[in-house]
């Protein structure tokens, strides 16, 4: 149904009033910067979709549908009124965690179930799937602030080559859910950053990079020195680099499941235990591990893993260290129930609570 200009003007005024009233309707006041950005981005996309569907004969003028005007008038209220609003609505009494190697805040023990955790700052839902004759373990995660996506290493310093079991590292850092990282001390290249601290700044001819910015958004740079140099330069012009990884390959980019390069390392075309992490939306992620090399669970190729990440709705997804390193930890224990003993690793990626006073 097409709206007249008068109706659209009235709608805009009503939405503007809703925006002004948000500080009085929400507990403790205003929406945090990270949450507001997520809602604004989603609203902008929704409005662009509406404009596209209205067709060339729409009553919406070019001035009205300009990005700036949509951004200033329609976006916040549009998202708050939409069915897709987050279960987490962060407010100004949720403070971000420090960007350093300190642990996350202690979760509320009573809030754990066998397959979930929820508080005012994080939602985690665990599930097990059966794909390609293999057991697939998935963690769905939504956080309130980007600072809750964190990394940790086994040693006391970033340049330590000390190793430990992923579950122990996770417990040391109050991780609600965690996965092994990229075992960075054992590689020779890559843009390696942990919680803002730089370990290595090298590009790669053959391997992809994953960069995570201050908003918790994933940026994948495909292999090639020139491509990565230009990508890093462009990234740094607009973002702060919080965490950087060197393993791969990229599995999904911009919502497209990728073809696995024939030259890539890590036995890409044979079934093996695997681990991957993906972003599905603003401050929303999935972690996947796949058991393998047993009669009960064969393992997957990287192409099959990419397909799984695509089915889970990833916009960006990246392969992590696999084999027996592939370990998903929930509530301090190994969730993917591997038949092999837990392998020591150098680092993990984890999600923590931002609750205070627990």
Protein backbone atom coordinates (compact mmCIF):
# COMPACT_ATOMS: atom_id res chain seq x y z
CA UNK A 1 0.00 0.00 0.00
CA UNK A 2 1.40 3.40 -1.03
CA UNK A 3 1.24 6.26 1.46
CA UNK A 4 0.58 9.90 0.62
CA UNK A 5 3.15 12.53 1.48
CA UNK A 6 0.88 13.84 4.24
CA UNK A 7 0.65 10.38 5.78
CA UNK A 8 4.42 9.90 5.57
CA UNK A 9 4.97 13.27 7.24
CA UNK A 10 2.61 12.30 10.07
CA UNK A 11 4.35 8.92 10.43
CA UNK A 12 7.73 10.61 10.62
CA UNK A 13 6.50 12.95 13.37
CA UNK A 14 5.13 10.02 15.38
CA UNK A 15 8.39 8.10 15.05
CA UNK A 16 10.34 11.16 16.10
CA UNK A 17 8.20 11.44 19.24
CA UNK A 18 8.94 7.76 19.96
CA UNK A 19 12.65 8.43 19.72
CA UNK A 20 12.43 11.37 22.12
CA UNK A 21 10.50 9.27 24.61
CA UNK A 22 12.97 6.36 24.64
CA UNK A 23 15.03 7.64 27.59
CA UNK A 24 11.85 7.65 29.70
CA UNK A 25 10.59 4.26 28.54
CA UNK A 26 13.81 2.29 28.86
CA UNK A 27 15.18 1.27 32.26
CA UNK A 28 18.11 3.44 33.40
CA UNK A 29 17.92 5.78 30.38
CA UNK A 30 19.54 5.77 26.97
CA UNK A 31 20.58 2.98 24.66
CA UNK A 32 24.30 2.32 24.58
CA UNK A 33 26.31 3.36 21.54
CA UNK A 34 26.90 -0.21 20.36
CA UNK A 35 23.25 -1.20 20.66
CA UNK A 36 22.06 1.99 19.00
CA UNK A 37 24.39 1.40 16.06
CA UNK A 38 23.05 -2.14 15.62
CA UNK A 39 19.47 -0.95 15.69
CA UNK A 40 20.20 1.94 13.32
CA UNK A 41 21.90 -0.31 10.78
CA UNK A 42 19.03 -2.78 10.83
CA UNK A 43 16.47 0.02 10.48
CA UNK A 44 18.34 1.59 7.59
CA UNK A 45 18.34 -1.71 5.75
CA UNK A 46 14.65 -2.20 6.44
CA UNK A 47 13.84 1.25 5.11
CA UNK A 48 15.98 0.71 2.00
CA UNK A 49 14.14 -2.54 1.37
CA UNK A 50 10.79 -0.76 1.71
CA UNK A 51 11.86 1.93 -0.73
CA UNK A 52 13.08 -0.65 -3.24
CA UNK A 53 9.82 -2.59 -3.01
CA UNK A 54 7.77 0.59 -3.55
CA UNK A 55 9.12 0.86 -7.11
CA UNK A 56 9.86 3.86 -9.32
CA UNK A 57 6.33 5.28 -8.96
CA UNK A 58 6.56 5.59 -5.18
CA UNK A 59 5.31 8.78 -3.55
CA UNK A 60 8.58 8.97 -1.57
CA UNK A 61 10.67 11.89 -2.80
CA UNK A 62 14.42 11.62 -3.23
CA UNK A 63 14.88 14.11 -0.39
CA UNK A 64 12.76 12.03 1.97
CA UNK A 65 14.51 8.76 1.21
CA UNK A 66 18.02 10.21 1.47
CA UNK A 67 20.29 8.30 3.80
CA UNK A 68 20.81 11.23 6.14
CA UNK A 69 17.12 11.87 6.66
CA UNK A 70 16.30 8.22 7.17
CA UNK A 71 19.20 7.96 9.57
CA UNK A 72 17.99 10.91 11.64
CA UNK A 73 14.24 10.26 11.71
CA UNK A 74 13.13 6.72 10.96
CA UNK A 75 15.88 4.33 11.93
CA UNK A 76 15.77 3.97 15.75
CA UNK A 77 12.00 3.82 16.08
CA UNK A 78 11.66 1.55 13.05
CA UNK A 79 13.86 -1.06 14.64
CA UNK A 80 12.35 -0.75 18.08
CA UNK A 81 8.95 -1.35 16.51
CA UNK A 82 10.12 -4.29 14.40
CA UNK A 83 9.67 -7.96 15.22
CA UNK A 84 13.42 -8.46 14.91
CA UNK A 85 14.36 -6.38 17.96
CA UNK A 86 17.04 -7.99 20.09
CA UNK A 87 16.16 -9.78 23.30
CA UNK A 88 18.98 -7.74 24.80
CA UNK A 89 18.35 -4.01 25.06
CA UNK A 90 21.54 -2.58 26.58
CA UNK A 91 21.17 0.55 28.67
CA UNK A 92 23.63 2.95 30.20
CA UNK A 93 24.17 0.95 33.40
CA UNK A 94 25.96 -1.79 31.41
CA UNK A 95 29.63 -0.84 31.23
CA UNK A 96 31.97 -2.27 28.62
CA UNK A 97 34.78 -4.59 29.66
CA UNK A 98 38.32 -3.20 29.37
CA UNK A 99 40.22 -3.89 26.15
CA UNK A 100 43.09 -5.77 27.75
CA UNK A 101 43.98 -9.29 28.86
CA UNK A 102 41.80 -9.18 31.97
CA UNK A 103 39.05 -11.81 32.36
CA UNK A 104 35.37 -11.22 31.77
CA UNK A 105 33.07 -10.57 34.68
CA UNK A 106 31.89 -13.62 36.59
CA UNK A 107 28.63 -15.01 35.19
CA UNK A 108 25.61 -15.73 37.37
CA UNK A 109 25.93 -19.41 38.16
CA UNK A 110 22.20 -19.90 38.69
CA UNK A 111 21.52 -18.69 35.14
CA UNK A 112 23.21 -21.68 33.48
CA UNK A 113 21.19 -24.57 32.11
CA UNK A 114 22.61 -27.62 30.38
CA UNK A 115 22.42 -25.85 27.02
CA UNK A 116 22.05 -22.13 27.69
CA UNK A 117 23.01 -19.05 29.62
CA UNK A 118 21.27 -15.69 29.83
CA UNK A 119 21.70 -12.45 31.74
CA UNK A 120 21.10 -8.78 30.95
CA UNK A 121 24.23 -8.61 28.78
CA UNK A 122 24.53 -11.95 26.95
CA UNK A 123 22.49 -14.83 25.57
CA UNK A 124 24.09 -18.18 24.73
CA UNK A 125 22.18 -21.12 23.25
CA UNK A 126 23.94 -24.43 22.53
CA UNK A 127 22.78 -27.11 20.13
CA UNK A 128 24.00 -30.32 18.50
CA UNK A 129 23.34 -31.17 14.85
CA UNK A 130 24.05 -34.11 12.58
CA UNK A 131 25.64 -33.19 9.23
CA UNK A 132 27.71 -35.19 6.75
CA UNK A 133 27.80 -38.25 9.03
CA UNK A 134 29.32 -36.06 11.71
CA UNK A 135 28.42 -34.51 15.05
CA UNK A 136 28.24 -30.73 14.75
CA UNK A 137 28.18 -28.55 17.87
CA UNK A 138 26.94 -24.97 17.68
CA UNK A 139 26.95 -22.03 20.08
CA UNK A 140 24.62 -19.14 19.23
CA UNK A 141 25.74 -15.96 20.99
CA UNK A 142 24.29 -12.46 21.32
CA UNK A 143 26.08 -9.81 23.39
CA UNK A 144 25.32 -6.30 24.59
CA UNK A 145 28.74 -4.71 24.01
CA UNK A 146 31.51 -5.57 21.57
CA UNK A 147 33.93 -5.82 24.50
CA UNK A 148 32.34 -9.16 25.48
CA UNK A 149 33.89 -10.83 22.43
CA UNK A 150 37.36 -11.47 23.80
CA UNK A 151 40.57 -13.44 23.34
CA UNK A 152 42.94 -15.00 25.84
CA UNK A 153 46.21 -16.90 25.74
CA UNK A 154 47.61 -19.63 27.93
CA UNK A 155 50.69 -17.73 29.07
CA UNK A 156 50.96 -14.49 31.01
CA UNK A 157 52.26 -12.60 27.95
CA UNK A 158 51.18 -12.42 24.33
CA UNK A 159 54.61 -13.60 23.15
CA UNK A 160 54.58 -16.71 25.34
CA UNK A 161 54.45 -20.11 23.64
CA UNK A 162 52.94 -21.72 26.72
CA UNK A 163 49.93 -23.99 26.10
CA UNK A 164 47.00 -25.18 28.19
CA UNK A 165 43.70 -26.96 27.72
CA UNK A 166 41.00 -24.70 26.22
CA UNK A 167 38.65 -25.52 29.10
CA UNK A 168 41.21 -24.39 31.67
CA UNK A 169 41.94 -21.16 29.83
CA UNK A 170 38.20 -20.57 29.56
CA UNK A 171 37.69 -21.05 33.30
CA UNK A 172 40.60 -18.73 34.08
CA UNK A 173 38.93 -15.96 32.08
CA UNK A 174 35.31 -16.43 33.21
CA UNK A 175 34.31 -17.51 29.72
CA UNK A 176 30.69 -18.52 29.30
CA UNK A 177 31.48 -20.11 25.95
CA UNK A 178 34.83 -20.43 24.16
CA UNK A 179 36.59 -22.03 21.22
CA UNK A 180 40.23 -22.64 20.43
CA UNK A 181 41.91 -19.88 18.42
CA UNK A 182 44.54 -19.93 15.67
CA UNK A 183 47.63 -21.19 17.58
CA UNK A 184 49.42 -18.04 16.42
CA UNK A 185 52.90 -18.63 17.95
CA UNK A 186 53.34 -21.61 15.59
CA UNK A 187 52.78 -19.60 12.38
CA UNK A 188 55.18 -17.23 10.67
CA UNK A 189 52.90 -14.61 9.10
CA UNK A 190 49.56 -12.95 9.75
CA UNK A 191 48.22 -9.82 11.39
CA UNK A 192 48.06 -11.09 14.97
CA UNK A 193 46.40 -8.84 17.54
CA UNK A 194 44.95 -9.82 20.90
CA UNK A 195 42.75 -7.39 22.84
CA UNK A 196 44.37 -4.46 21.05
CA UNK A 197 47.93 -5.69 21.67
CA UNK A 198 49.99 -6.35 18.53
CA UNK A 199 52.01 -9.56 18.29
CA UNK A 200 52.80 -9.65 14.56
CA UNK A 201 52.09 -7.44 11.53
CA UNK A 202 52.63 -9.46 8.37
CA UNK A 203 50.57 -10.07 5.27
CA UNK A 204 50.31 -13.45 3.57
CA UNK A 205 50.59 -14.61 -0.01
CA UNK A 206 48.51 -17.77 0.56
CA UNK A 207 46.29 -17.39 3.63
CA UNK A 208 43.30 -15.26 4.63
CA UNK A 209 43.11 -12.89 7.61
CA UNK A 210 40.27 -12.15 10.00
CA UNK A 211 40.15 -8.72 11.66
CA UNK A 212 37.62 -7.76 14.36
CA UNK A 213 36.94 -4.08 14.94
CA UNK A 214 35.77 -1.98 17.88
CA UNK A 215 32.12 -2.75 17.07
CA UNK A 216 32.70 -6.50 17.14
CA UNK A 217 32.30 -6.69 13.36
CA UNK A 218 34.25 -9.21 11.27
CA UNK A 219 36.39 -8.13 8.31
CA UNK A 220 37.97 -10.86 6.18
CA UNK A 221 40.94 -10.12 3.93
CA UNK A 222 41.58 -12.74 1.26
CA UNK A 223 45.07 -14.01 0.57
CA UNK A 224 47.64 -11.93 -1.34
CA UNK A 225 50.19 -9.41 -0.04
CA UNK A 226 48.90 -6.46 -2.06
CA UNK A 227 45.26 -7.21 -1.30
CA UNK A 228 45.92 -7.48 2.43
CA UNK A 229 48.14 -4.38 2.56
CA UNK A 230 45.43 -2.29 0.94
CA UNK A 231 42.74 -3.93 3.09
CA UNK A 232 44.59 -3.26 6.33
CA UNK A 233 45.22 0.36 5.32
CA UNK A 234 41.54 0.88 4.56
CA UNK A 235 40.52 -0.88 7.78
CA UNK A 236 42.78 1.27 9.96
CA UNK A 237 41.46 4.44 8.34
CA UNK A 238 38.01 3.72 9.75
CA UNK A 239 38.39 1.27 12.62
CA UNK A 240 40.32 0.23 15.67
CA UNK A 241 41.74 -3.29 15.41
CA UNK A 242 40.86 -5.25 18.54
CA UNK A 243 41.65 -8.83 17.46
CA UNK A 244 43.33 -10.28 14.38
CA UNK A 245 43.71 -13.94 13.33
CA UNK A 246 45.79 -15.91 10.86
CA UNK A 247 44.46 -19.32 9.89
CA UNK A 248 41.46 -19.60 7.59
CA UNK A 249 40.41 -19.94 4.94
CA UNK A 250 37.46 -17.58 4.76
CA UNK A 251 34.28 -19.66 4.63
CA UNK A 252 31.61 -17.01 4.10
CA UNK A 253 31.99 -13.39 2.97
CA UNK A 254 29.15 -10.89 2.71
CA UNK A 255 26.66 -13.73 3.04
CA UNK A 256 28.17 -15.78 0.18
CA UNK A 257 29.52 -19.27 0.84
CA UNK A 258 33.00 -19.31 -0.68
CA UNK A 259 34.81 -21.84 -2.78
CA UNK A 260 37.84 -23.23 -0.95
CA UNK A 261 41.12 -22.41 -2.75
CA UNK A 262 42.95 -25.49 -3.98
CA UNK A 263 46.26 -24.18 -2.64
CA UNK A 264 45.06 -23.75 0.94
CA UNK A 265 46.71 -25.56 3.84
CA UNK A 266 45.16 -27.74 6.56
CA UNK A 267 44.05 -30.64 4.34
CA UNK A 268 40.99 -28.71 3.09
CA UNK A 269 39.41 -31.47 1.00
CA UNK A 270 39.52 -34.37 3.46
CA UNK A 271 37.07 -34.90 6.34
CA UNK A 272 38.58 -33.76 9.62
CA UNK A 273 37.58 -32.29 12.97
CA UNK A 274 37.00 -28.56 12.40
CA UNK A 275 36.33 -25.31 14.25
CA UNK A 276 34.96 -22.02 12.91
CA UNK A 277 33.50 -18.74 14.06
CA UNK A 278 31.02 -16.56 12.21
CA UNK A 279 29.05 -13.34 12.54
CA UNK A 280 25.34 -13.47 11.77
CA UNK A 281 24.41 -9.86 12.61
CA UNK A 282 25.35 -6.92 14.85
CA UNK A 283 26.82 -8.34 18.07
CA UNK A 284 25.49 -11.79 17.10
CA UNK A 285 27.71 -14.80 16.38
CA UNK A 286 27.96 -18.55 15.99
CA UNK A 287 30.77 -20.89 17.00
CA UNK A 288 30.91 -24.31 15.35
CA UNK A 289 33.02 -27.37 16.05
CA UNK A 290 32.75 -30.70 14.25
CA UNK A 291 34.04 -33.97 15.70
CA UNK A 292 35.88 -36.29 13.35
CA UNK A 293 38.21 -39.21 12.66
CA UNK A 294 35.95 -41.73 14.40
CA UNK A 295 33.38 -44.27 13.24
CA UNK A 296 30.64 -42.23 14.91
CA UNK A 297 31.70 -38.88 13.43
CA UNK A 298 33.67 -38.67 10.19
CA UNK A 299 34.51 -34.98 10.17
CA UNK A 300 33.97 -32.49 7.35
CA UNK A 301 35.85 -30.89 4.50
CA UNK A 302 36.30 -27.14 4.54
CA UNK A 303 33.71 -26.81 1.77
CA UNK A 304 31.20 -28.70 3.93
CA UNK A 305 32.09 -26.51 6.91
CA UNK A 306 31.53 -23.41 4.77
CA UNK A 307 28.10 -24.77 3.83
CA UNK A 308 27.22 -25.30 7.49
CA UNK A 309 28.22 -21.73 8.34
CA UNK A 310 26.13 -20.46 5.45
CA UNK A 311 23.10 -22.46 6.63
CA UNK A 312 23.49 -20.93 10.09
CA UNK A 313 23.07 -17.48 8.56
CA UNK A 314 26.62 -16.18 8.73
CA UNK A 315 27.44 -13.00 6.88
CA UNK A 316 31.15 -13.61 7.57
CA UNK A 317 32.74 -16.87 8.71
CA UNK A 318 36.32 -18.01 9.22
CA UNK A 319 37.99 -21.36 9.79
CA UNK A 320 40.06 -21.80 12.96
CA UNK A 321 42.63 -24.38 14.04
CA UNK A 322 41.11 -27.84 13.58
CA UNK A 323 42.07 -31.44 14.20
CA UNK A 324 42.17 -32.31 17.86
CA UNK A 325 42.53 -28.61 18.66
CA UNK A 326 38.86 -28.10 17.69
CA UNK A 327 37.26 -27.64 21.11
CA UNK A 328 34.03 -25.93 22.11
CA UNK A 329 33.82 -25.08 25.81
CA UNK A 330 30.60 -24.18 27.61
CA UNK A 331 30.31 -23.51 31.35
CA UNK A 332 33.91 -24.57 31.85
CA UNK A 333 33.55 -28.02 30.24
CA UNK A 334 34.19 -29.42 26.77
CA UNK A 335 30.83 -29.29 25.02
CA UNK A 336 31.70 -31.17 21.85
CA UNK A 337 32.32 -34.36 23.82
CA UNK A 338 35.41 -35.43 21.90
CA UNK A 339 36.58 -39.04 22.16
CA UNK A 340 40.16 -37.78 22.06
CA UNK A 341 41.76 -36.18 25.09
CA UNK A 342 41.70 -32.39 25.19
CA UNK A 343 44.69 -30.94 23.36
CA UNK A 344 46.65 -28.06 24.85
CA UNK A 345 46.48 -24.85 22.76
CA UNK A 346 48.01 -21.39 23.00
CA UNK A 347 44.86 -19.27 22.76
CA UNK A 348 41.08 -19.11 22.76
CA UNK A 349 38.27 -16.85 21.56
CA UNK A 350 35.58 -16.44 24.20
CA UNK A 351 32.42 -14.57 25.15
CA UNK A 352 31.95 -13.16 28.64
CA UNK A 353 29.27 -11.49 30.70
CA UNK A 354 29.34 -7.76 31.38
CA UNK A 355 27.24 -8.02 34.53
CA UNK A 356 28.53 -6.23 37.60
CA UNK A 357 28.54 -7.02 41.28
CA UNK A 358 28.27 -10.81 40.97
